[in-house]
Amino acid sequence: MHTERTAPGIAIAHTDDDVVIRVNRQHAMPILSILLHSKFGDGPRIDFLTTPYVNALIEALIEPAGLATSDLVVDRSDLDAPIRLVEEWALSNGINADETMSMLRDAAYPYTLKRVV
């Protein structure tokens, strides 16, 4: 089965195995914004924060949205809720320090955390 849907600036087609989404460059920023707000909202979920699929979607939209990863630097306190969630989850699940740091990098992506002095 093959189905297609369209709206201004976006086309979505899917078969039994694949979903193909084509986004006009001018619509990259709104979609990126939705993903970032979903990932870093007040109620983050561990599976959304650390999944590679979400990060891949975000990464694919950064340049077309007119951003560079070097522009995405924030204070750790700006990401307090997701970072705290990862730290608490790792602690309660016996995750070692190296694995926790890797999860924190995935959770904070695409932002680079700056150190507060």
N, C-alpha and C. Protein backbone atom coordinates (compact mmCIF):
# COMPACT_ATOMS: atom_id res chain seq x y z
N MET A 1 0.84 -1.18 0.00
CA MET A 1 0.00 0.00 0.00
C MET A 1 0.89 1.24 0.00
N HIS A 2 0.54 2.21 -0.78
CA HIS A 2 1.29 3.45 -0.89
C HIS A 2 0.31 4.61 -0.71
N THR A 3 0.61 5.47 0.26
CA THR A 3 -0.26 6.60 0.55
C THR A 3 0.57 7.87 0.56
N GLU A 4 0.00 8.97 0.08
CA GLU A 4 0.69 10.26 0.11
C GLU A 4 -0.20 11.31 0.74
N ARG A 5 0.42 12.20 1.49
CA ARG A 5 -0.26 13.35 2.09
C ARG A 5 0.60 14.58 1.79
N THR A 6 -0.05 15.71 1.59
CA THR A 6 0.69 16.94 1.35
C THR A 6 0.04 18.09 2.10
N ALA A 7 0.85 19.06 2.40
CA ALA A 7 0.44 20.34 2.95
C ALA A 7 1.47 21.33 2.41
N PRO A 8 1.21 22.63 2.50
CA PRO A 8 2.20 23.58 1.97
C PRO A 8 3.59 23.36 2.58
N GLY A 9 4.55 23.03 1.72
CA GLY A 9 5.93 22.88 2.17
C GLY A 9 6.31 21.51 2.69
N ILE A 10 5.38 20.56 2.68
CA ILE A 10 5.71 19.24 3.19
C ILE A 10 4.96 18.18 2.38
N ALA A 11 5.63 17.08 2.13
CA ALA A 11 5.01 15.94 1.45
C ALA A 11 5.41 14.68 2.19
N ILE A 12 4.45 13.82 2.46
CA ILE A 12 4.71 12.59 3.19
C ILE A 12 4.15 11.42 2.38
N ALA A 13 4.99 10.44 2.15
CA ALA A 13 4.56 9.24 1.45
C ALA A 13 4.95 8.04 2.30
N HIS A 14 4.12 7.02 2.30
CA HIS A 14 4.52 5.83 3.03
C HIS A 14 4.04 4.57 2.34
N THR A 15 4.82 3.55 2.54
CA THR A 15 4.49 2.21 2.08
C THR A 15 4.42 1.34 3.33
N ASP A 16 4.35 0.05 3.14
CA ASP A 16 4.32 -0.84 4.29
C ASP A 16 5.62 -0.77 5.10
N ASP A 17 6.72 -0.41 4.46
CA ASP A 17 8.03 -0.44 5.12
C ASP A 17 8.63 0.92 5.45
N ASP A 18 8.30 1.95 4.70
CA ASP A 18 8.99 3.23 4.83
C ASP A 18 8.03 4.40 4.92
N VAL A 19 8.51 5.45 5.58
CA VAL A 19 7.84 6.75 5.57
C VAL A 19 8.87 7.74 5.03
N VAL A 20 8.50 8.46 3.99
CA VAL A 20 9.40 9.44 3.39
C VAL A 20 8.77 10.81 3.57
N ILE A 21 9.51 11.70 4.23
CA ILE A 21 9.02 13.05 4.50
C ILE A 21 9.93 14.03 3.78
N ARG A 22 9.34 14.85 2.93
CA ARG A 22 10.08 15.90 2.23
C ARG A 22 9.60 17.23 2.79
N VAL A 23 10.56 18.04 3.25
CA VAL A 23 10.25 19.32 3.88
C VAL A 23 10.93 20.42 3.10
N ASN A 24 10.17 21.44 2.72
CA ASN A 24 10.75 22.62 2.10
C ASN A 24 11.69 23.27 3.11
N ARG A 25 12.84 23.74 2.67
CA ARG A 25 13.85 24.31 3.56
C ARG A 25 13.28 25.36 4.50
N GLN A 26 12.34 26.19 4.03
CA GLN A 26 11.80 27.25 4.86
C GLN A 26 10.98 26.72 6.03
N HIS A 27 10.57 25.44 5.97
CA HIS A 27 9.79 24.85 7.04
C HIS A 27 10.64 24.02 8.00
N ALA A 28 11.96 24.02 7.81
CA ALA A 28 12.84 23.24 8.69
C ALA A 28 12.84 23.78 10.12
N MET A 29 12.86 25.09 10.28
CA MET A 29 12.94 25.68 11.62
C MET A 29 11.71 25.37 12.46
N PRO A 30 10.49 25.50 11.93
CA PRO A 30 9.33 25.14 12.77
C PRO A 30 9.34 23.67 13.21
N ILE A 31 9.76 22.77 12.32
CA ILE A 31 9.79 21.36 12.70
C ILE A 31 10.90 21.11 13.72
N LEU A 32 12.06 21.76 13.53
CA LEU A 32 13.14 21.66 14.51
C LEU A 32 12.68 22.19 15.86
N SER A 33 11.96 23.28 15.86
CA SER A 33 11.45 23.85 17.10
C SER A 33 10.52 22.88 17.83
N ILE A 34 9.66 22.20 17.08
CA ILE A 34 8.76 21.21 17.69
C ILE A 34 9.57 20.09 18.34
N LEU A 35 10.57 19.59 17.64
CA LEU A 35 11.40 18.52 18.19
C LEU A 35 12.14 18.96 19.45
N LEU A 36 12.71 20.18 19.43
CA LEU A 36 13.45 20.66 20.59
C LEU A 36 12.53 20.89 21.78
N HIS A 37 11.35 21.44 21.53
CA HIS A 37 10.41 21.65 22.63
C HIS A 37 9.91 20.33 23.19
N SER A 38 9.74 19.35 22.34
CA SER A 38 9.33 18.03 22.81
C SER A 38 10.42 17.39 23.64
N LYS A 39 11.65 17.54 23.21
CA LYS A 39 12.77 16.90 23.90
C LYS A 39 13.09 17.59 25.22
N PHE A 40 12.99 18.90 25.26
CA PHE A 40 13.43 19.63 26.45
C PHE A 40 12.30 20.29 27.21
N GLY A 41 11.10 19.76 27.08
CA GLY A 41 9.96 20.30 27.82
C GLY A 41 10.08 20.03 29.32
N ASP A 42 9.11 20.49 30.07
CA ASP A 42 9.13 20.31 31.52
C ASP A 42 9.00 18.85 31.95
N GLY A 43 8.48 18.01 31.09
CA GLY A 43 8.29 16.61 31.45
C GLY A 43 9.04 15.68 30.53
N PRO A 44 10.39 15.77 30.47
CA PRO A 44 11.14 14.93 29.53
C PRO A 44 10.99 13.45 29.88
N ARG A 45 11.10 12.62 28.84
CA ARG A 45 11.05 11.16 29.01
C ARG A 45 12.39 10.59 28.61
N ILE A 46 12.89 9.61 29.34
CA ILE A 46 14.21 9.06 29.09
C ILE A 46 14.32 8.48 27.68
N ASP A 47 13.26 7.83 27.18
CA ASP A 47 13.34 7.23 25.85
C ASP A 47 13.40 8.28 24.75
N PHE A 48 12.82 9.43 24.95
CA PHE A 48 12.85 10.50 23.96
C PHE A 48 14.18 11.25 24.03
N LEU A 49 14.71 11.42 25.25
CA LEU A 49 15.96 12.16 25.42
C LEU A 49 17.16 11.45 24.81
N THR A 50 17.20 10.15 24.90
CA THR A 50 18.42 9.44 24.53
C THR A 50 18.30 8.59 23.26
N THR A 51 17.16 8.62 22.59
CA THR A 51 17.04 7.83 21.37
C THR A 51 17.86 8.44 20.23
N PRO A 52 18.58 7.63 19.49
CA PRO A 52 19.37 8.17 18.38
C PRO A 52 18.48 8.69 17.24
N TYR A 53 17.25 8.23 17.15
CA TYR A 53 16.37 8.65 16.06
C TYR A 53 15.99 10.12 16.19
N VAL A 54 15.67 10.54 17.39
CA VAL A 54 15.32 11.94 17.62
C VAL A 54 16.53 12.83 17.31
N ASN A 55 17.70 12.41 17.80
CA ASN A 55 18.91 13.19 17.54
C ASN A 55 19.22 13.26 16.05
N ALA A 56 18.98 12.18 15.32
CA ALA A 56 19.23 12.19 13.87
C ALA A 56 18.29 13.15 13.16
N LEU A 57 17.02 13.19 13.58
CA LEU A 57 16.07 14.14 12.99
C LEU A 57 16.48 15.58 13.29
N ILE A 58 16.88 15.83 14.54
CA ILE A 58 17.33 17.17 14.92
C ILE A 58 18.55 17.57 14.10
N GLU A 59 19.52 16.66 14.01
CA GLU A 59 20.74 16.95 13.27
C GLU A 59 20.44 17.24 11.80
N ALA A 60 19.53 16.49 11.21
CA ALA A 60 19.19 16.69 9.80
C ALA A 60 18.54 18.04 9.55
N LEU A 61 17.90 18.63 10.56
CA LEU A 61 17.19 19.90 10.39
C LEU A 61 17.99 21.12 10.81
N ILE A 62 19.12 20.93 11.49
CA ILE A 62 19.88 22.08 12.00
C ILE A 62 20.36 22.99 10.88
N GLU A 63 21.07 22.45 9.91
CA GLU A 63 21.60 23.30 8.84
C GLU A 63 20.50 23.89 7.97
N PRO A 64 19.52 23.09 7.50
CA PRO A 64 18.45 23.69 6.70
C PRO A 64 17.66 24.76 7.46
N ALA A 65 17.66 24.69 8.79
CA ALA A 65 16.96 25.70 9.59
C ALA A 65 17.79 26.97 9.73
N GLY A 66 19.00 26.96 9.17
CA GLY A 66 19.86 28.15 9.23
C GLY A 66 20.67 28.25 10.51
N LEU A 67 20.88 27.12 11.18
CA LEU A 67 21.66 27.12 12.42
C LEU A 67 22.94 26.32 12.22
N ALA A 68 23.86 26.51 13.13
CA ALA A 68 25.07 25.70 13.20
C ALA A 68 25.16 25.18 14.62
N THR A 69 25.73 24.00 14.80
CA THR A 69 25.81 23.45 16.15
C THR A 69 26.61 24.35 17.07
N SER A 70 27.52 25.16 16.52
CA SER A 70 28.29 26.08 17.37
C SER A 70 27.41 27.18 17.95
N ASP A 71 26.23 27.41 17.36
CA ASP A 71 25.29 28.41 17.87
C ASP A 71 24.48 27.89 19.05
N LEU A 72 24.52 26.59 19.27
CA LEU A 72 23.65 25.96 20.25
C LEU A 72 24.41 25.65 21.54
N VAL A 73 24.79 26.70 22.25
CA VAL A 73 25.51 26.57 23.52
C VAL A 73 24.62 27.15 24.61
N VAL A 74 24.38 26.36 25.65
CA VAL A 74 23.52 26.81 26.74
C VAL A 74 24.15 26.49 28.09
N ASP A 75 23.71 27.18 29.08
CA ASP A 75 24.09 26.92 30.46
C ASP A 75 23.42 25.63 30.90
N ARG A 76 24.10 24.84 31.70
CA ARG A 76 23.53 23.57 32.17
C ARG A 76 22.16 23.78 32.83
N SER A 77 22.00 24.88 33.55
CA SER A 77 20.72 25.11 34.25
C SER A 77 19.55 25.23 33.27
N ASP A 78 19.83 25.60 32.01
CA ASP A 78 18.77 25.69 31.01
C ASP A 78 18.22 24.32 30.63
N LEU A 79 19.01 23.27 30.90
CA LEU A 79 18.60 21.90 30.60
C LEU A 79 18.49 21.08 31.88
N ASP A 80 18.17 21.76 32.96
CA ASP A 80 18.17 21.10 34.27
C ASP A 80 17.23 19.90 34.33
N ALA A 81 16.01 20.01 33.83
CA ALA A 81 15.04 18.91 33.93
C ALA A 81 15.51 17.65 33.19
N PRO A 82 15.92 17.75 31.92
CA PRO A 82 16.37 16.52 31.26
C PRO A 82 17.65 15.94 31.85
N ILE A 83 18.57 16.81 32.26
CA ILE A 83 19.82 16.31 32.85
C ILE A 83 19.54 15.61 34.17
N ARG A 84 18.70 16.20 34.98
CA ARG A 84 18.35 15.58 36.27
C ARG A 84 17.65 14.24 36.05
N LEU A 85 16.77 14.16 35.05
CA LEU A 85 16.09 12.91 34.75
C LEU A 85 17.10 11.82 34.39
N VAL A 86 18.06 12.13 33.52
CA VAL A 86 19.07 11.14 33.13
C VAL A 86 19.90 10.73 34.34
N GLU A 87 20.35 11.70 35.14
CA GLU A 87 21.16 11.37 36.31
C GLU A 87 20.40 10.47 37.29
N GLU A 88 19.14 10.80 37.55
CA GLU A 88 18.34 10.00 38.48
C GLU A 88 18.06 8.61 37.91
N TRP A 89 17.76 8.53 36.62
CA TRP A 89 17.51 7.25 35.99
C TRP A 89 18.76 6.37 36.03
N ALA A 90 19.92 6.96 35.71
CA ALA A 90 21.17 6.21 35.72
C ALA A 90 21.50 5.71 37.14
N LEU A 91 21.30 6.56 38.13
CA LEU A 91 21.57 6.17 39.50
C LEU A 91 20.66 5.02 39.94
N SER A 92 19.38 5.13 39.64
CA SER A 92 18.44 4.09 40.06
C SER A 92 18.61 2.79 39.28
N ASN A 93 19.27 2.84 38.12
CA ASN A 93 19.48 1.64 37.31
C ASN A 93 20.91 1.13 37.34
N GLY A 94 21.73 1.67 38.25
CA GLY A 94 23.10 1.19 38.41
C GLY A 94 24.00 1.41 37.22
N ILE A 95 23.76 2.48 36.48
CA ILE A 95 24.58 2.79 35.30
C ILE A 95 25.88 3.43 35.76
N ASN A 96 27.01 2.99 35.19
CA ASN A 96 28.30 3.53 35.62
C ASN A 96 28.51 4.96 35.09
N ALA A 97 29.54 5.61 35.59
CA ALA A 97 29.78 7.03 35.28
C ALA A 97 30.01 7.28 33.79
N ASP A 98 30.77 6.40 33.12
CA ASP A 98 31.03 6.60 31.69
C ASP A 98 29.76 6.48 30.86
N GLU A 99 28.93 5.49 31.17
CA GLU A 99 27.67 5.32 30.46
C GLU A 99 26.74 6.50 30.73
N THR A 100 26.75 6.97 31.97
CA THR A 100 25.91 8.12 32.33
C THR A 100 26.33 9.35 31.54
N MET A 101 27.64 9.58 31.42
CA MET A 101 28.12 10.73 30.65
C MET A 101 27.71 10.63 29.19
N SER A 102 27.78 9.42 28.64
CA SER A 102 27.38 9.22 27.25
C SER A 102 25.88 9.52 27.09
N MET A 103 25.08 9.05 28.05
CA MET A 103 23.64 9.32 28.00
C MET A 103 23.36 10.81 28.14
N LEU A 104 24.12 11.49 29.00
CA LEU A 104 23.92 12.94 29.17
C LEU A 104 24.25 13.70 27.88
N ARG A 105 25.30 13.26 27.17
CA ARG A 105 25.62 13.90 25.89
C ARG A 105 24.47 13.70 24.90
N ASP A 106 23.93 12.48 24.85
CA ASP A 106 22.79 12.23 23.95
C ASP A 106 21.57 13.04 24.37
N ALA A 107 21.35 13.14 25.68
CA ALA A 107 20.18 13.86 26.19
C ALA A 107 20.29 15.35 25.91
N ALA A 108 21.50 15.91 26.01
CA ALA A 108 21.70 17.35 25.83
C ALA A 108 21.79 17.73 24.34
N TYR A 109 22.04 16.76 23.46
CA TYR A 109 22.17 17.04 22.04
C TYR A 109 20.91 17.75 21.52
N PRO A 110 21.07 18.80 20.73
CA PRO A 110 22.23 19.26 20.00
C PRO A 110 23.02 20.35 20.73
N TYR A 111 22.66 20.62 21.97
CA TYR A 111 23.30 21.71 22.68
C TYR A 111 24.66 21.32 23.25
N THR A 112 25.55 22.30 23.27
CA THR A 112 26.82 22.15 23.96
C THR A 112 26.64 22.88 25.27
N LEU A 113 26.98 22.20 26.36
CA LEU A 113 26.82 22.81 27.68
C LEU A 113 28.04 23.64 28.02
N LYS A 114 27.83 24.86 28.48
CA LYS A 114 28.96 25.66 28.92
C LYS A 114 29.05 25.56 30.44
N ARG A 115 30.26 25.64 30.92
CA ARG A 115 30.50 25.52 32.36
C ARG A 115 30.20 26.85 33.04
N VAL A 116 29.45 26.77 34.12
CA VAL A 116 29.13 27.96 34.92
C VAL A 116 30.17 28.08 36.02
N VAL A 117 30.77 29.24 36.12
CA VAL A 117 31.81 29.45 37.15
C VAL A 117 31.25 30.19 38.32
